[in-house]
């Protein structure tokens, strides 16, 4: 079976986690964001903010983790699987912050293709910062633009999800995919 791979992308403070939870609650398989666990693992290694200390190492770990999720999705029998962020997010963040990276990062994105990309825009009213999210709202806006550019540079058509309550956003996504 050829499982359809759907990405829910977006920068900080877009409601991605809540939307993914809503999709999961609707009965769909979801792979969750891995950056927080990588950040927490780095803290155990004595590195407070790995993305700030060594953005390339952080990004390499994220890329490896997302690639593993992508490969793992091929082992599932579901017709459709959702991802909280995709491989091109890694390149988008590095581009956004001007961090050079090896061509291998691009190759991984080019070789592992998703079927549909939904992008959630920054939403000032829900923006919060915490120990793992340090971006201010202006940076969230910039990250959004970088995400859109990165996905488009890999040939994806990006579908922007409107700023509506979570259930309506989930409905929008599922209707677009002819799942509801």
Protein backbone atom coordinates (compact mmCIF):
# COMPACT_ATOMS: atom_id res chain seq x y z
CA UNK A 1 0.00 0.00 0.00
CA UNK A 2 1.21 3.48 -0.81
CA UNK A 3 0.55 5.53 2.32
CA UNK A 4 -0.20 9.21 1.70
CA UNK A 5 2.09 11.44 3.73
CA UNK A 6 0.59 14.74 4.87
CA UNK A 7 2.63 17.47 6.59
CA UNK A 8 1.22 20.01 8.99
CA UNK A 9 3.88 22.73 8.94
CA UNK A 10 4.15 26.09 10.62
CA UNK A 11 6.43 28.11 12.78
CA UNK A 12 6.04 28.73 16.49
CA UNK A 13 2.62 29.82 17.75
CA UNK A 14 0.55 28.53 14.88
CA UNK A 15 -1.46 25.86 16.71
CA UNK A 16 0.28 22.91 15.02
CA UNK A 17 0.33 20.73 18.12
CA UNK A 18 -3.38 21.33 18.79
CA UNK A 19 -4.30 20.65 15.16
CA UNK A 20 -2.25 17.44 15.13
CA UNK A 21 -3.99 16.35 18.35
CA UNK A 22 -7.37 17.08 16.72
CA UNK A 23 -6.42 15.02 13.67
CA UNK A 24 -5.24 12.20 15.91
CA UNK A 25 -8.46 12.40 17.93
CA UNK A 26 -10.33 12.00 14.62
CA UNK A 27 -8.66 8.59 14.29
CA UNK A 28 -5.66 9.29 12.05
CA UNK A 29 -2.06 8.18 12.64
CA UNK A 30 0.24 11.11 13.41
CA UNK A 31 3.98 11.42 13.86
CA UNK A 32 4.69 14.11 16.43
CA UNK A 33 7.22 16.93 16.48
CA UNK A 34 10.62 15.76 17.71
CA UNK A 35 12.48 19.04 18.32
CA UNK A 36 11.41 19.34 21.95
CA UNK A 37 12.71 15.87 22.80
CA UNK A 38 16.01 16.66 21.04
CA UNK A 39 16.23 19.91 23.00
CA UNK A 40 15.53 18.07 26.26
CA UNK A 41 18.10 15.38 25.41
CA UNK A 42 20.70 18.09 24.73
CA UNK A 43 19.94 19.60 28.15
CA UNK A 44 20.69 16.23 29.72
CA UNK A 45 24.03 16.45 27.87
CA UNK A 46 24.59 19.88 29.44
CA UNK A 47 23.67 22.02 26.42
CA UNK A 48 20.93 24.47 27.39
CA UNK A 49 19.84 25.54 23.87
CA UNK A 50 21.35 23.25 21.25
CA UNK A 51 19.75 25.20 18.37
CA UNK A 52 21.52 28.36 19.55
CA UNK A 53 24.78 26.66 20.59
CA UNK A 54 25.22 24.39 17.58
CA UNK A 55 22.40 24.92 15.07
CA UNK A 56 23.91 22.53 12.53
CA UNK A 57 24.15 19.64 15.02
CA UNK A 58 20.62 20.35 16.26
CA UNK A 59 19.35 20.42 12.68
CA UNK A 60 21.22 17.22 11.79
CA UNK A 61 19.53 15.45 14.72
CA UNK A 62 16.13 16.82 13.66
CA UNK A 63 16.71 15.77 10.04
CA UNK A 64 17.72 12.26 11.14
CA UNK A 65 14.68 11.97 13.41
CA UNK A 66 12.25 13.18 10.75
CA UNK A 67 13.82 10.91 8.15
CA UNK A 68 13.30 8.00 10.54
CA UNK A 69 9.65 9.03 10.96
CA UNK A 70 9.30 9.15 7.18
CA UNK A 71 10.79 5.66 6.83
CA UNK A 72 8.67 4.35 9.73
CA UNK A 73 5.53 5.64 8.01
CA UNK A 74 6.21 3.22 5.17
CA UNK A 75 5.82 0.32 7.62
CA UNK A 76 2.29 1.33 8.62
CA UNK A 77 -0.84 0.04 6.95
CA UNK A 78 -2.84 3.28 7.22
CA UNK A 79 -3.89 4.90 3.95
CA UNK A 80 -2.86 8.31 5.26
CA UNK A 81 -0.39 9.51 7.90
CA UNK A 82 0.12 13.02 9.22
CA UNK A 83 3.43 14.56 10.26
CA UNK A 84 3.93 17.46 12.67
CA UNK A 85 6.53 19.14 10.44
CA UNK A 86 8.43 17.63 7.53
CA UNK A 87 12.00 17.32 6.35
CA UNK A 88 12.03 20.70 4.49
CA UNK A 89 11.33 22.47 7.79
CA UNK A 90 14.96 21.80 8.73
CA UNK A 91 16.28 23.57 5.64
CA UNK A 92 13.77 26.40 6.12
CA UNK A 93 14.99 27.13 9.65
CA UNK A 94 18.64 27.00 8.65
CA UNK A 95 18.00 29.33 5.69
CA UNK A 96 15.95 31.63 7.89
CA UNK A 97 18.80 32.06 10.36
CA UNK A 98 21.56 32.13 7.73
CA UNK A 99 23.20 28.87 8.82
CA UNK A 100 25.07 27.01 6.07
CA UNK A 101 24.46 23.27 5.76
CA UNK A 102 25.73 20.39 3.63
CA UNK A 103 24.08 19.45 0.33
CA UNK A 104 23.03 16.18 1.98
CA UNK A 105 20.24 18.11 3.74
CA UNK A 106 18.79 19.11 0.35
CA UNK A 107 19.22 15.59 -1.02
CA UNK A 108 17.24 14.08 1.87
CA UNK A 109 14.40 16.55 1.21
CA UNK A 110 14.44 15.85 -2.53
CA UNK A 111 14.43 12.05 -2.12
CA UNK A 112 11.69 11.78 0.51
CA UNK A 113 8.51 13.30 -0.87
CA UNK A 114 5.28 14.14 0.92
CA UNK A 115 1.88 14.17 -0.77
CA UNK A 116 0.36 17.34 0.69
CA UNK A 117 1.63 20.28 2.74
CA UNK A 118 -0.61 22.34 5.00
CA UNK A 119 0.94 25.50 6.44
CA UNK A 120 -0.45 27.18 9.54
CA UNK A 121 0.24 30.93 9.69
CA UNK A 122 1.58 32.69 12.80
CA UNK A 123 -1.18 33.84 15.12
CA UNK A 124 -0.27 36.67 17.48
CA UNK A 125 -3.19 35.98 19.82
CA UNK A 126 -1.91 32.48 20.64
CA UNK A 127 1.84 33.28 20.64
CA UNK A 128 3.66 32.18 23.78
CA UNK A 129 7.29 31.59 24.65
CA UNK A 130 8.61 28.86 26.92
CA UNK A 131 11.83 26.99 27.68
CA UNK A 132 11.83 25.23 24.31
CA UNK A 133 10.27 28.04 22.21
CA UNK A 134 12.35 31.17 22.32
CA UNK A 135 11.26 32.94 19.11
CA UNK A 136 9.41 36.24 19.38
CA UNK A 137 6.42 36.95 17.15
CA UNK A 138 8.43 38.85 14.52
CA UNK A 139 10.71 35.82 14.19
CA UNK A 140 7.63 33.60 13.92
CA UNK A 141 6.50 35.70 10.93
CA UNK A 142 9.92 35.37 9.30
CA UNK A 143 9.99 31.61 9.93
CA UNK A 144 6.57 31.29 8.28
CA UNK A 145 7.89 32.96 5.12
CA UNK A 146 10.99 30.73 5.15
CA UNK A 147 8.84 27.60 5.55
CA UNK A 148 6.66 28.57 2.61
CA UNK A 149 9.71 29.35 0.45
CA UNK A 150 11.45 26.10 1.38
CA UNK A 151 8.47 23.89 0.59
CA UNK A 152 7.84 25.73 -2.67
CA UNK A 153 11.51 25.39 -3.62
CA UNK A 154 11.07 21.60 -3.41
CA UNK A 155 8.09 21.83 -5.77
CA UNK A 156 5.25 21.62 -3.25
CA UNK A 157 2.02 23.58 -3.48
CA UNK A 158 1.45 24.87 0.04
CA UNK A 159 -2.11 25.04 1.38
CA UNK A 160 -2.55 27.71 4.05
CA UNK A 161 -4.91 26.76 6.87
CA UNK A 162 -7.14 29.62 8.05
CA UNK A 163 -6.94 31.03 11.59
CA UNK A 164 -10.10 29.48 12.99
CA UNK A 165 -10.86 27.35 16.06
CA UNK A 166 -9.04 24.00 16.18
CA UNK A 167 -12.05 21.87 15.18
CA UNK A 168 -12.61 24.07 12.12
CA UNK A 169 -8.94 23.86 11.15
CA UNK A 170 -9.01 20.07 11.45
CA UNK A 171 -12.21 20.05 9.39
CA UNK A 172 -10.59 22.26 6.74
CA UNK A 173 -7.66 19.85 6.40
CA UNK A 174 -9.77 16.70 6.36
CA UNK A 175 -12.22 18.18 3.82
CA UNK A 176 -9.36 19.28 1.57
CA UNK A 177 -8.12 15.67 1.62
CA UNK A 178 -11.66 14.32 1.01
CA UNK A 179 -11.59 12.57 4.38
CA UNK A 180 -14.75 14.05 5.87
